[in-house]
Amino acid sequence: MHQTSELGISLFFLDSLACKISNLSQLRQFHAQLIQNSLHHHSQWVSLLISQCTRLRAPPPYTRLIFNSTPRPDIYVFISMLKYYSNLGSAHFNQVVSLYQKLQCCDLRIGTFVYPVLIKSAGSKGIEFHAHVLKLGLASDPYVRNAIMGLYAKYGPVENARDVFAEMRERTLADWNNMIFGYWNWGNKAEACRLLI
């Protein structure tokens, strides 16, 4: 009983420490605390560490070390790692594909919420996932559809974003924003303004 209360206190302490991390040095110290408490391989903490790496723009080798510290990452660890790569841009496309392949090999249920993060993580090369989500029958999911639209609005061709937009029965504010941004981004200011009216 005494051990449980000590562990509870230390978990509370660690949780409060995590909220105060403001630089890479503090993140490494926090990581060391997790290792000392044998928590560094638990998915909850690994996901939190990777999220902090994303926020602080930690180096890829360090972040990958954290990811690899858990023998059986859960879906949230994978999502955290994809978000990390998303912030790095399309230069890390091969790592995104490798991570997605590893995710597919795990015995995890991959929900539709994974694909918008995956598409954004791939940057300009996210176009390669468009055919994949079509094949999986996920193109009608509003979040997946919006990620695909955002991809074409940002990287082009904007006409592909318009095709996705035209197929929508119901459009969200994010869908309209993607189209307006896409037209504006690609120099078609008149069409962007027309959508506003």
Protein backbone atom coordinates (compact mmCIF):
# COMPACT_ATOMS: atom_id res chain seq x y z
CA MET A 1 0.00 0.00 0.00
CA HIS A 2 2.81 2.37 0.87
CA GLN A 3 4.49 1.74 -2.51
CA THR A 4 1.30 2.61 -4.38
CA SER A 5 0.95 5.94 -2.61
CA GLU A 6 4.62 6.71 -3.29
CA LEU A 7 4.14 5.82 -6.95
CA GLY A 8 0.98 7.95 -7.04
CA ILE A 9 2.87 10.89 -5.57
CA SER A 10 5.75 10.43 -7.97
CA LEU A 11 3.34 10.18 -10.93
CA PHE A 12 1.66 13.38 -9.78
CA PHE A 13 5.08 14.98 -9.36
CA LEU A 14 6.18 13.86 -12.83
CA ASP A 15 2.93 15.03 -14.37
CA SER A 16 3.36 18.47 -12.80
CA LEU A 17 6.99 18.58 -14.00
CA ALA A 18 5.89 17.81 -17.55
CA CYS A 19 3.72 20.94 -17.58
CA LYS A 20 6.73 23.12 -16.76
CA ILE A 21 9.13 21.96 -19.49
CA SER A 22 10.26 24.97 -21.51
CA ASN A 23 13.50 23.92 -23.18
CA LEU A 24 15.39 20.88 -24.44
CA SER A 25 17.60 20.66 -21.36
CA GLN A 26 14.53 20.41 -19.11
CA LEU A 27 13.04 17.81 -21.44
CA ARG A 28 16.18 15.68 -21.13
CA GLN A 29 16.06 16.02 -17.33
CA PHE A 30 12.42 14.99 -17.35
CA HIS A 31 13.28 12.04 -19.59
CA ALA A 32 15.96 11.03 -17.07
CA GLN A 33 13.33 11.16 -14.29
CA LEU A 34 11.13 8.81 -16.30
CA ILE A 35 14.06 6.43 -16.78
CA GLN A 36 14.83 6.51 -13.03
CA ASN A 37 11.21 5.60 -12.32
CA SER A 38 11.17 2.89 -15.04
CA LEU A 39 8.39 4.73 -16.88
CA HIS A 40 10.32 5.63 -20.03
CA HIS A 41 8.87 2.70 -21.99
CA HIS A 42 5.20 3.31 -21.11
CA SER A 43 3.18 4.63 -24.05
CA GLN A 44 1.55 7.43 -22.07
CA TRP A 45 4.91 8.93 -21.13
CA VAL A 46 6.51 8.25 -24.50
CA SER A 47 3.64 10.06 -26.21
CA LEU A 48 4.05 12.99 -23.83
CA LEU A 49 7.82 13.11 -24.43
CA ILE A 50 7.37 13.08 -28.20
CA SER A 51 4.76 15.84 -27.96
CA GLN A 52 7.26 17.89 -25.99
CA CYS A 53 9.91 17.13 -28.63
CA THR A 54 7.51 18.47 -31.26
CA ARG A 55 6.85 21.64 -29.30
CA LEU A 56 10.56 22.23 -28.59
CA ARG A 57 11.78 21.11 -32.03
CA ALA A 58 14.05 18.44 -30.58
CA PRO A 59 16.53 16.77 -32.94
CA PRO A 60 15.15 13.77 -34.90
CA PRO A 61 17.67 11.24 -33.49
CA TYR A 62 16.68 12.09 -29.91
CA THR A 63 12.97 11.94 -30.70
CA ARG A 64 13.37 8.65 -32.53
CA LEU A 65 15.28 7.27 -29.51
CA ILE A 66 12.29 8.12 -27.35
CA PHE A 67 9.91 6.49 -29.84
CA ASN A 68 12.03 3.34 -29.93
CA SER A 69 12.08 3.10 -26.12
CA THR A 70 8.65 1.53 -26.02
CA PRO A 71 8.52 -2.08 -27.23
CA ARG A 72 4.80 -1.87 -28.09
CA PRO A 73 3.82 1.69 -28.95
CA ASP A 74 0.11 2.42 -28.86
CA ILE A 75 -1.75 4.46 -31.47
CA TYR A 76 -1.15 7.70 -29.53
CA VAL A 77 2.62 7.21 -29.65
CA PHE A 78 2.41 6.73 -33.42
CA ILE A 79 0.21 9.83 -33.79
CA SER A 80 2.63 11.86 -31.65
CA MET A 81 5.52 10.76 -33.84
CA LEU A 82 3.62 11.58 -37.03
CA LYS A 83 2.86 15.05 -35.65
CA TYR A 84 6.54 15.45 -34.87
CA TYR A 85 7.43 14.65 -38.49
CA SER A 86 4.65 16.96 -39.66
CA ASN A 87 6.45 19.88 -38.04
CA LEU A 88 9.71 18.95 -39.78
CA GLY A 89 8.27 19.08 -43.30
CA SER A 90 8.45 16.76 -46.27
CA ALA A 91 12.21 16.17 -45.97
CA HIS A 92 11.33 13.30 -43.63
CA PHE A 93 8.85 11.59 -45.96
CA ASN A 94 10.75 8.27 -45.87
CA GLN A 95 10.52 8.21 -42.07
CA VAL A 96 6.77 8.93 -42.28
CA VAL A 97 6.28 6.02 -44.70
CA SER A 98 8.43 3.74 -42.52
CA LEU A 99 6.46 4.74 -39.43
CA TYR A 100 3.16 4.11 -41.23
CA GLN A 101 4.36 0.67 -42.35
CA LYS A 102 5.34 -0.13 -38.77
CA LEU A 103 1.93 1.04 -37.59
CA GLN A 104 0.23 -1.26 -40.11
CA CYS A 105 2.27 -4.22 -38.83
CA CYS A 106 1.25 -3.62 -35.23
CA ASP A 107 -1.94 -5.12 -33.91
CA LEU A 108 -3.56 -1.70 -33.55
CA ARG A 109 -6.85 -0.43 -34.87
CA ILE A 110 -6.04 2.42 -37.22
CA GLY A 111 -8.93 4.86 -37.06
CA THR A 112 -9.70 7.47 -39.67
CA PHE A 113 -8.17 10.10 -37.38
CA VAL A 114 -4.71 8.77 -38.28
CA TYR A 115 -4.93 9.70 -41.95
CA PRO A 116 -5.19 13.50 -41.67
CA VAL A 117 -2.09 13.48 -39.46
CA LEU A 118 -0.36 11.08 -41.86
CA ILE A 119 -1.17 13.25 -44.89
CA LYS A 120 0.03 16.42 -43.15
CA SER A 121 3.18 14.66 -41.90
CA ALA A 122 4.16 13.77 -45.45
CA GLY A 123 4.16 17.41 -46.56
CA SER A 124 4.16 17.88 -50.33
CA LYS A 125 4.53 14.13 -50.80
CA GLY A 126 1.26 13.53 -48.97
CA ILE A 127 -0.34 13.32 -52.41
CA GLU A 128 0.86 9.71 -52.45
CA PHE A 129 -1.57 8.96 -49.61
CA HIS A 130 -4.57 10.34 -51.52
CA ALA A 131 -4.87 7.17 -53.61
CA HIS A 132 -4.36 5.10 -50.48
CA VAL A 133 -7.29 6.66 -48.61
CA LEU A 134 -9.45 6.32 -51.73
CA LYS A 135 -8.60 2.63 -51.89
CA LEU A 136 -9.47 2.24 -48.21
CA GLY A 137 -12.81 3.98 -48.77
CA LEU A 138 -11.99 6.83 -46.40
CA ALA A 139 -12.34 9.76 -48.78
CA SER A 140 -15.82 10.56 -47.48
CA ASP A 141 -14.58 11.12 -43.92
CA PRO A 142 -14.74 14.89 -43.37
CA TYR A 143 -11.35 15.10 -41.64
CA VAL A 144 -9.58 12.98 -44.23
CA ARG A 145 -11.26 14.91 -47.02
CA ASN A 146 -10.23 18.21 -45.44
CA ALA A 147 -6.62 17.05 -45.09
CA ILE A 148 -6.56 16.08 -48.78
CA MET A 149 -8.04 19.43 -49.74
CA GLY A 150 -5.53 21.26 -47.56
CA LEU A 151 -2.72 19.31 -49.18
CA TYR A 152 -3.72 20.33 -52.71
CA ALA A 153 -4.48 23.90 -51.61
CA LYS A 154 -0.97 24.21 -50.23
CA TYR A 155 1.10 22.19 -52.71
CA GLY A 156 -1.13 22.11 -55.79
CA PRO A 157 -2.65 21.59 -58.13
CA VAL A 158 -5.42 23.68 -56.60
CA GLU A 159 -7.86 22.22 -59.14
CA ASN A 160 -7.62 18.91 -57.29
CA ALA A 161 -8.65 20.68 -54.09
CA ARG A 162 -11.54 22.21 -56.02
CA ASP A 163 -12.60 18.75 -57.25
CA VAL A 164 -12.69 17.44 -53.68
CA PHE A 165 -14.57 20.57 -52.59
CA ALA A 166 -17.12 20.20 -55.42
CA GLU A 167 -17.88 16.60 -54.40
CA MET A 168 -18.82 17.62 -50.84
CA ARG A 169 -22.46 17.57 -49.85
CA GLU A 170 -21.79 19.47 -46.62
CA ARG A 171 -18.93 21.89 -46.24
CA THR A 172 -17.35 23.00 -43.00
CA LEU A 173 -15.68 26.32 -42.29
CA ALA A 174 -12.31 24.52 -42.57
CA ASP A 175 -13.27 23.33 -46.08
CA TRP A 176 -14.12 26.86 -47.18
CA ASN A 177 -10.90 28.17 -45.62
CA ASN A 178 -8.84 25.57 -47.48
CA MET A 179 -10.34 26.58 -50.82
CA ILE A 180 -9.96 30.31 -50.20
CA PHE A 181 -6.36 29.76 -49.05
CA GLY A 182 -5.66 27.52 -52.05
CA TYR A 183 -6.87 30.01 -54.60
CA TRP A 184 -5.11 32.87 -52.86
CA ASN A 185 -1.91 30.82 -52.48
CA TRP A 186 -1.85 29.97 -56.19
CA GLY A 187 -2.49 33.55 -57.32
CA ASN A 188 -6.18 33.23 -58.19
CA LYS A 189 -7.33 36.08 -55.97
CA ALA A 190 -10.55 36.64 -57.96
CA GLU A 191 -11.73 33.07 -57.32
CA ALA A 192 -10.77 33.33 -53.64
CA CYS A 193 -12.85 36.52 -53.34
CA ARG A 194 -15.75 34.91 -55.23
CA LEU A 195 -15.88 32.17 -52.60
CA LEU A 196 -16.17 34.80 -49.88
CA ILE A 197 -19.28 36.32 -51.43
